N, C-alpha and C. Protein backbone atom coordinates (compact mmCIF):
# COMPACT_ATOMS: atom_id res chain seq x y z
N UNK A 1 25.24 -37.95 21.74
CA UNK A 1 26.18 -37.12 21.00
C UNK A 1 27.56 -37.18 21.65
N UNK A 2 28.57 -37.01 20.85
CA UNK A 2 29.94 -37.08 21.32
C UNK A 2 30.30 -35.86 22.16
N UNK A 3 31.08 -36.09 23.22
CA UNK A 3 31.51 -34.97 24.04
C UNK A 3 32.44 -34.04 23.28
N UNK A 4 33.19 -34.57 22.32
CA UNK A 4 34.05 -33.71 21.52
C UNK A 4 33.22 -32.84 20.57
N UNK A 5 32.09 -33.34 20.12
CA UNK A 5 31.21 -32.52 19.28
C UNK A 5 30.70 -31.33 20.08
N UNK A 6 30.25 -31.58 21.31
CA UNK A 6 29.81 -30.47 22.18
C UNK A 6 30.95 -29.48 22.40
N UNK A 7 32.14 -30.01 22.69
CA UNK A 7 33.29 -29.14 22.92
C UNK A 7 33.61 -28.31 21.68
N UNK A 8 33.61 -28.95 20.50
CA UNK A 8 33.95 -28.23 19.27
C UNK A 8 32.94 -27.13 18.95
N UNK A 9 31.66 -27.40 19.21
CA UNK A 9 30.64 -26.36 19.00
C UNK A 9 30.88 -25.21 19.97
N UNK A 10 31.11 -25.54 21.24
CA UNK A 10 31.38 -24.51 22.24
C UNK A 10 32.64 -23.73 21.93
N UNK A 11 33.69 -24.42 21.47
CA UNK A 11 34.96 -23.76 21.13
C UNK A 11 34.77 -22.80 19.95
N UNK A 12 34.03 -23.26 18.93
CA UNK A 12 33.74 -22.40 17.77
C UNK A 12 32.99 -21.15 18.22
N UNK A 13 31.97 -21.34 19.05
CA UNK A 13 31.19 -20.20 19.54
C UNK A 13 32.07 -19.25 20.37
N UNK A 14 32.97 -19.82 21.17
CA UNK A 14 33.89 -19.01 21.98
C UNK A 14 34.79 -18.15 21.10
N UNK A 15 35.34 -18.76 20.05
CA UNK A 15 36.22 -18.03 19.14
C UNK A 15 35.48 -16.97 18.33
N UNK A 16 34.15 -17.13 18.20
CA UNK A 16 33.33 -16.16 17.48
C UNK A 16 32.53 -15.26 18.42
N UNK A 17 32.92 -15.25 19.70
CA UNK A 17 32.33 -14.36 20.72
C UNK A 17 30.82 -14.56 20.90
N UNK A 18 30.39 -15.82 20.88
CA UNK A 18 28.97 -16.16 21.10
C UNK A 18 28.86 -16.84 22.46
N UNK A 19 29.06 -16.08 23.52
CA UNK A 19 29.14 -16.62 24.87
C UNK A 19 27.91 -17.43 25.31
N UNK A 20 26.67 -17.01 25.00
CA UNK A 20 25.53 -17.84 25.42
C UNK A 20 25.56 -19.25 24.84
N UNK A 21 25.99 -19.38 23.60
CA UNK A 21 26.08 -20.71 22.98
C UNK A 21 27.13 -21.55 23.71
N UNK A 22 28.23 -20.92 24.11
CA UNK A 22 29.28 -21.63 24.86
C UNK A 22 28.73 -22.21 26.14
N UNK A 23 28.02 -21.41 26.87
CA UNK A 23 27.49 -21.85 28.17
C UNK A 23 26.47 -22.98 28.00
N UNK A 24 25.62 -22.88 26.99
CA UNK A 24 24.61 -23.93 26.75
C UNK A 24 25.29 -25.25 26.39
N UNK A 25 26.29 -25.21 25.50
CA UNK A 25 26.95 -26.46 25.12
C UNK A 25 27.69 -27.07 26.31
N UNK A 26 28.28 -26.24 27.16
CA UNK A 26 28.95 -26.75 28.36
C UNK A 26 27.99 -27.46 29.29
N UNK A 27 26.82 -26.88 29.48
CA UNK A 27 25.83 -27.50 30.36
C UNK A 27 25.25 -28.78 29.76
N UNK A 28 25.05 -28.80 28.44
CA UNK A 28 24.57 -30.01 27.78
C UNK A 28 25.61 -31.13 27.89
N UNK A 29 26.87 -30.77 27.71
CA UNK A 29 27.94 -31.75 27.83
C UNK A 29 27.95 -32.37 29.23
N UNK A 30 27.83 -31.52 30.24
CA UNK A 30 27.81 -32.01 31.62
C UNK A 30 26.60 -32.89 31.87
N UNK A 31 25.44 -32.50 31.34
CA UNK A 31 24.20 -33.24 31.57
C UNK A 31 24.23 -34.61 30.88
N UNK A 32 24.61 -34.64 29.60
CA UNK A 32 24.54 -35.88 28.83
C UNK A 32 25.71 -36.83 29.09
N UNK A 33 26.90 -36.29 29.31
CA UNK A 33 28.08 -37.15 29.41
C UNK A 33 28.75 -37.18 30.77
N UNK A 34 28.30 -36.35 31.71
CA UNK A 34 28.87 -36.37 33.05
C UNK A 34 30.32 -35.97 33.11
N UNK A 35 30.72 -35.05 32.24
CA UNK A 35 32.11 -34.59 32.26
C UNK A 35 32.16 -33.07 32.13
N UNK A 36 33.29 -32.51 32.53
CA UNK A 36 33.47 -31.07 32.51
C UNK A 36 34.63 -30.76 31.58
N UNK A 37 34.32 -30.37 30.34
CA UNK A 37 35.34 -30.03 29.36
C UNK A 37 35.01 -28.62 28.86
N UNK A 38 35.69 -27.60 29.40
CA UNK A 38 35.34 -26.22 29.05
C UNK A 38 35.70 -25.87 27.61
N UNK A 39 34.94 -24.96 27.04
CA UNK A 39 35.16 -24.53 25.67
C UNK A 39 36.46 -23.74 25.51
N UNK A 40 37.05 -23.28 26.60
CA UNK A 40 38.31 -22.53 26.52
C UNK A 40 39.53 -23.44 26.42
N UNK A 41 39.37 -24.72 26.72
CA UNK A 41 40.49 -25.67 26.61
C UNK A 41 40.80 -25.92 25.14
N UNK A 42 42.07 -26.04 24.81
CA UNK A 42 42.51 -26.28 23.43
C UNK A 42 42.72 -27.78 23.27
N UNK A 43 41.73 -28.46 22.68
CA UNK A 43 41.75 -29.91 22.56
C UNK A 43 41.69 -30.29 21.08
N UNK A 44 42.65 -31.11 20.65
CA UNK A 44 42.68 -31.55 19.25
C UNK A 44 41.46 -32.42 18.94
N UNK A 45 41.04 -32.38 17.70
CA UNK A 45 39.85 -33.13 17.29
C UNK A 45 40.04 -34.65 17.35
N UNK A 46 41.29 -35.12 17.35
CA UNK A 46 41.52 -36.56 17.35
C UNK A 46 41.63 -37.17 18.74
N UNK A 47 41.41 -36.38 19.78
CA UNK A 47 41.46 -36.89 21.15
C UNK A 47 40.29 -37.86 21.37
N UNK A 48 40.56 -38.96 22.06
CA UNK A 48 39.53 -39.96 22.35
C UNK A 48 39.25 -39.97 23.85
N UNK A 49 37.99 -39.77 24.20
CA UNK A 49 37.55 -39.88 25.59
C UNK A 49 36.83 -41.21 25.72
N UNK A 50 37.46 -42.18 26.38
CA UNK A 50 36.84 -43.49 26.56
C UNK A 50 35.62 -43.36 27.46
N UNK A 51 34.65 -44.20 27.24
CA UNK A 51 33.41 -44.22 28.03
C UNK A 51 32.72 -42.85 28.03
N UNK A 52 32.76 -42.18 26.89
CA UNK A 52 32.14 -40.87 26.70
C UNK A 52 32.66 -39.83 27.69
N UNK A 53 33.85 -40.02 28.18
CA UNK A 53 34.44 -39.02 29.08
C UNK A 53 33.84 -39.00 30.46
N UNK A 54 33.27 -40.11 30.88
CA UNK A 54 32.61 -40.17 32.18
C UNK A 54 33.52 -39.70 33.30
N UNK A 55 33.12 -38.67 34.01
CA UNK A 55 33.85 -38.16 35.15
C UNK A 55 35.11 -37.37 34.83
N UNK A 56 35.37 -37.10 33.56
CA UNK A 56 36.57 -36.36 33.18
C UNK A 56 36.39 -34.88 33.48
N UNK A 57 37.42 -34.27 34.06
CA UNK A 57 37.43 -32.82 34.33
C UNK A 57 38.70 -32.26 33.70
N UNK A 58 38.53 -31.24 32.84
CA UNK A 58 39.66 -30.61 32.17
C UNK A 58 39.70 -29.14 32.57
N UNK A 59 40.88 -28.63 32.88
CA UNK A 59 41.05 -27.24 33.25
C UNK A 59 40.78 -26.30 32.10
N UNK A 60 40.46 -25.06 32.42
CA UNK A 60 39.99 -24.12 31.41
C UNK A 60 41.04 -23.73 30.37
N UNK A 61 42.31 -23.79 30.67
CA UNK A 61 43.31 -23.42 29.66
C UNK A 61 44.29 -24.56 29.38
N UNK A 62 43.83 -25.79 29.59
CA UNK A 62 44.66 -26.96 29.28
C UNK A 62 44.81 -27.10 27.77
N UNK A 63 45.93 -27.69 27.36
CA UNK A 63 46.18 -27.96 25.94
C UNK A 63 46.39 -29.46 25.81
N UNK A 64 45.61 -30.10 24.91
CA UNK A 64 45.70 -31.54 24.72
C UNK A 64 45.96 -31.80 23.24
N UNK A 65 47.08 -32.46 22.92
CA UNK A 65 47.51 -32.70 21.56
C UNK A 65 46.75 -33.80 20.85
N UNK A 66 47.21 -34.13 19.65
CA UNK A 66 46.52 -35.10 18.80
C UNK A 66 46.76 -36.54 19.25
N UNK A 67 45.78 -37.39 19.01
CA UNK A 67 45.91 -38.81 19.28
C UNK A 67 45.95 -39.21 20.74
N UNK A 68 45.57 -38.30 21.64
CA UNK A 68 45.59 -38.60 23.07
C UNK A 68 44.36 -39.44 23.42
N UNK A 69 44.54 -40.45 24.28
CA UNK A 69 43.42 -41.25 24.76
C UNK A 69 43.29 -41.02 26.26
N UNK A 70 42.10 -40.58 26.67
CA UNK A 70 41.83 -40.27 28.07
C UNK A 70 40.74 -41.21 28.57
N UNK A 71 41.06 -42.00 29.59
CA UNK A 71 40.08 -42.92 30.15
C UNK A 71 39.20 -42.21 31.18
N UNK A 72 38.29 -42.92 31.80
CA UNK A 72 37.28 -42.32 32.68
C UNK A 72 37.87 -41.78 33.98
N UNK A 73 37.18 -40.78 34.54
CA UNK A 73 37.49 -40.17 35.84
C UNK A 73 38.89 -39.56 35.92
N UNK A 74 39.34 -38.95 34.84
CA UNK A 74 40.65 -38.29 34.80
C UNK A 74 40.46 -36.81 35.11
N UNK A 75 41.39 -36.23 35.87
CA UNK A 75 41.39 -34.80 36.14
C UNK A 75 42.65 -34.19 35.54
N UNK A 76 42.46 -33.18 34.70
CA UNK A 76 43.57 -32.45 34.10
C UNK A 76 43.34 -30.99 34.44
N UNK A 77 44.15 -30.42 35.33
CA UNK A 77 43.87 -29.05 35.74
C UNK A 77 44.93 -28.42 36.59
N UNK A 78 44.54 -27.31 37.20
CA UNK A 78 45.44 -26.51 38.02
C UNK A 78 45.71 -27.18 39.36
N UNK A 79 46.61 -26.54 40.10
CA UNK A 79 47.03 -27.11 41.38
C UNK A 79 47.22 -26.00 42.40
N UNK A 80 46.28 -25.85 43.30
CA UNK A 80 46.41 -24.89 44.39
C UNK A 80 46.75 -23.49 43.94
N UNK A 81 47.86 -22.97 44.46
CA UNK A 81 48.28 -21.61 44.16
C UNK A 81 49.01 -21.48 42.84
N UNK A 82 49.31 -22.59 42.18
CA UNK A 82 50.06 -22.56 40.93
C UNK A 82 49.09 -22.31 39.78
N UNK A 83 49.24 -21.14 39.14
CA UNK A 83 48.36 -20.83 38.02
C UNK A 83 48.82 -21.56 36.77
N UNK A 84 47.89 -22.00 35.98
CA UNK A 84 48.20 -22.69 34.74
C UNK A 84 47.77 -24.15 34.79
N UNK A 85 47.53 -24.68 33.61
CA UNK A 85 47.10 -26.06 33.47
C UNK A 85 48.10 -26.82 32.61
N UNK A 86 48.03 -28.14 32.61
CA UNK A 86 48.99 -28.95 31.86
C UNK A 86 48.91 -28.77 30.34
N UNK A 87 50.03 -29.04 29.71
CA UNK A 87 50.12 -29.14 28.26
C UNK A 87 50.46 -30.60 27.97
N UNK A 88 49.59 -31.26 27.24
CA UNK A 88 49.75 -32.69 26.97
C UNK A 88 50.09 -32.87 25.50
N UNK A 89 51.18 -33.57 25.22
CA UNK A 89 51.66 -33.77 23.85
C UNK A 89 50.79 -34.73 23.06
N UNK A 90 51.32 -35.22 21.97
CA UNK A 90 50.58 -36.11 21.07
C UNK A 90 50.75 -37.58 21.46
N UNK A 91 49.73 -38.36 21.14
CA UNK A 91 49.75 -39.82 21.33
C UNK A 91 50.06 -40.23 22.76
N UNK A 92 49.45 -39.56 23.71
CA UNK A 92 49.62 -39.85 25.14
C UNK A 92 48.44 -40.70 25.60
N UNK A 93 48.68 -41.64 26.50
CA UNK A 93 47.62 -42.44 27.12
C UNK A 93 47.53 -42.03 28.58
N UNK A 94 46.33 -41.64 29.02
CA UNK A 94 46.12 -41.26 30.42
C UNK A 94 45.15 -42.26 31.02
N UNK A 95 45.62 -43.04 31.98
CA UNK A 95 44.85 -44.12 32.59
C UNK A 95 43.71 -43.64 33.46
N UNK A 96 42.80 -44.54 33.75
CA UNK A 96 41.60 -44.24 34.54
C UNK A 96 41.96 -43.69 35.91
N UNK A 97 41.27 -42.62 36.29
CA UNK A 97 41.44 -42.04 37.61
C UNK A 97 42.69 -41.21 37.81
N UNK A 98 43.47 -41.01 36.77
CA UNK A 98 44.72 -40.26 36.90
C UNK A 98 44.44 -38.77 37.11
N UNK A 99 45.35 -38.10 37.80
CA UNK A 99 45.29 -36.64 38.00
C UNK A 99 46.57 -36.05 37.46
N UNK A 100 46.44 -35.12 36.52
CA UNK A 100 47.58 -34.41 35.95
C UNK A 100 47.39 -32.96 36.35
N UNK A 101 48.21 -32.49 37.30
CA UNK A 101 47.94 -31.21 37.96
C UNK A 101 49.11 -30.24 37.87
N UNK A 102 48.77 -28.98 37.65
CA UNK A 102 49.76 -27.91 37.65
C UNK A 102 50.22 -27.53 36.27
N UNK A 103 51.13 -26.57 36.23
CA UNK A 103 51.68 -26.08 34.96
C UNK A 103 52.83 -27.00 34.57
N UNK A 104 52.48 -28.16 34.00
CA UNK A 104 53.48 -29.16 33.62
C UNK A 104 53.28 -29.55 32.17
N UNK A 105 54.27 -30.25 31.63
CA UNK A 105 54.22 -30.71 30.25
C UNK A 105 54.35 -32.23 30.23
N UNK A 106 53.47 -32.86 29.49
CA UNK A 106 53.53 -34.30 29.28
C UNK A 106 54.02 -34.50 27.85
N UNK A 107 55.18 -35.15 27.67
CA UNK A 107 55.78 -35.32 26.35
C UNK A 107 55.01 -36.27 25.46
N UNK A 108 55.32 -36.22 24.18
CA UNK A 108 54.69 -37.10 23.19
C UNK A 108 54.95 -38.57 23.54
N UNK A 109 53.97 -39.41 23.27
CA UNK A 109 54.04 -40.87 23.45
C UNK A 109 54.25 -41.29 24.90
N UNK A 110 53.96 -40.42 25.85
CA UNK A 110 54.07 -40.78 27.27
C UNK A 110 52.85 -41.57 27.71
N UNK A 111 52.98 -42.25 28.84
CA UNK A 111 51.86 -43.00 29.42
C UNK A 111 51.72 -42.59 30.88
N UNK A 112 50.49 -42.36 31.30
CA UNK A 112 50.19 -42.04 32.69
C UNK A 112 49.39 -43.22 33.23
N UNK A 113 49.88 -43.86 34.27
CA UNK A 113 49.22 -45.03 34.83
C UNK A 113 47.91 -44.68 35.53
N UNK A 114 47.07 -45.69 35.70
CA UNK A 114 45.79 -45.52 36.38
C UNK A 114 46.02 -45.01 37.80
N UNK A 115 45.23 -44.02 38.20
CA UNK A 115 45.25 -43.41 39.53
C UNK A 115 46.57 -42.71 39.88
N UNK A 116 47.43 -42.46 38.90
CA UNK A 116 48.67 -41.73 39.15
C UNK A 116 48.34 -40.26 39.42
N UNK A 117 49.13 -39.61 40.26
CA UNK A 117 49.00 -38.18 40.52
C UNK A 117 50.28 -37.53 40.01
N UNK A 118 50.18 -36.92 38.83
CA UNK A 118 51.35 -36.37 38.16
C UNK A 118 51.47 -34.89 38.53
N UNK A 119 52.61 -34.53 39.16
CA UNK A 119 52.85 -33.16 39.60
C UNK A 119 54.11 -32.57 38.98
N UNK A 120 54.78 -33.33 38.12
CA UNK A 120 56.00 -32.86 37.47
C UNK A 120 55.98 -33.24 35.99
N UNK A 121 56.85 -32.61 35.21
CA UNK A 121 56.93 -32.89 33.78
C UNK A 121 57.24 -34.37 33.54
N UNK A 122 56.65 -34.89 32.46
CA UNK A 122 56.91 -36.27 32.05
C UNK A 122 57.57 -36.20 30.68
N UNK A 123 58.80 -36.69 30.53
CA UNK A 123 59.48 -36.62 29.23
C UNK A 123 58.80 -37.49 28.18
N UNK A 124 59.09 -37.19 26.93
CA UNK A 124 58.52 -37.96 25.81
C UNK A 124 58.87 -39.43 25.95
N UNK A 125 57.89 -40.30 25.74
CA UNK A 125 58.10 -41.74 25.77
C UNK A 125 58.17 -42.37 27.14
N UNK A 126 58.16 -41.58 28.19
CA UNK A 126 58.27 -42.12 29.55
C UNK A 126 56.91 -42.53 30.09
N UNK A 127 56.92 -43.22 31.22
CA UNK A 127 55.70 -43.65 31.90
C UNK A 127 55.71 -43.09 33.31
N UNK A 128 54.56 -42.56 33.75
CA UNK A 128 54.44 -42.03 35.12
C UNK A 128 53.44 -42.89 35.88
N UNK A 129 53.85 -43.39 37.05
CA UNK A 129 52.98 -44.24 37.87
C UNK A 129 53.12 -43.87 39.34
N UNK A 130 52.07 -44.10 40.10
CA UNK A 130 52.12 -43.94 41.54
C UNK A 130 51.58 -42.62 42.05
N UNK A 131 51.58 -42.51 43.40
CA UNK A 131 51.10 -41.31 44.08
C UNK A 131 52.16 -40.86 45.07
N UNK A 132 52.83 -39.76 44.90
CA UNK A 132 52.88 -38.97 43.66
C UNK A 132 53.63 -39.76 42.59
N UNK A 133 53.38 -39.42 41.35
CA UNK A 133 53.92 -40.21 40.23
C UNK A 133 55.44 -40.15 40.18
N UNK A 134 56.03 -41.30 39.92
CA UNK A 134 57.46 -41.35 39.64
C UNK A 134 57.60 -41.68 38.16
N UNK A 135 58.67 -41.20 37.57
CA UNK A 135 58.87 -41.33 36.13
C UNK A 135 59.71 -42.56 35.84
N UNK A 136 59.16 -43.44 34.99
CA UNK A 136 59.90 -44.61 34.54
C UNK A 136 60.42 -44.30 33.14
N UNK A 137 61.67 -44.63 32.84
CA UNK A 137 62.21 -44.32 31.51
C UNK A 137 61.56 -45.18 30.44
N UNK A 138 61.68 -44.76 29.18
CA UNK A 138 61.17 -45.60 28.09
C UNK A 138 61.83 -46.98 28.12
N UNK A 139 61.15 -47.99 27.61
CA UNK A 139 61.65 -49.37 27.68
C UNK A 139 63.02 -49.54 27.04
N UNK A 140 63.33 -48.80 25.99
CA UNK A 140 64.62 -48.96 25.34
C UNK A 140 65.76 -48.37 26.18
N UNK A 141 65.46 -47.64 27.26
CA UNK A 141 66.49 -47.07 28.12
C UNK A 141 66.64 -47.80 29.45
N UNK A 142 65.82 -48.82 29.70
CA UNK A 142 65.89 -49.56 30.96
C UNK A 142 67.15 -50.41 30.97
N UNK A 143 67.97 -50.29 32.02
CA UNK A 143 69.21 -51.09 32.07
C UNK A 143 68.89 -52.58 32.21
N UNK A 144 69.72 -53.41 31.58
CA UNK A 144 69.52 -54.87 31.65
C UNK A 144 69.95 -55.38 33.02
N UNK A 145 69.25 -56.40 33.51
CA UNK A 145 69.62 -57.02 34.79
C UNK A 145 70.94 -57.73 34.63
N UNK A 146 71.78 -57.59 35.64
CA UNK A 146 73.09 -58.23 35.55
C UNK A 146 73.16 -59.47 36.38
């Protein structure tokens, strides 16, 4: 079964105050797909978890927009003493092993490189790579070599 199906059932139960159903779907999701996607996270139905979301961990109040593709072993969550989880825009690609941490915003059409550790906002259309991640401008804004 799809991890998003488990999440959607748990989210529906959460919104209808059926807490036992929420907990069961969360445990089934963890058992069958090896990922932690809480029912309290606001995740669009069009989000794609590659490899069935293997190793993916999402924070409890994270927001993930439409058309986002999340590869394996990604962490989206809080950061130490900073309360809050990331808000991820639409049509974002998050590479394998990436960590998106803290109360930050990832703009629409952004790309997060594999194993990047993102600790700051990423503007729309930009790419974040490295540890800690540095922001590369969209390709149409890159200055030409002289």
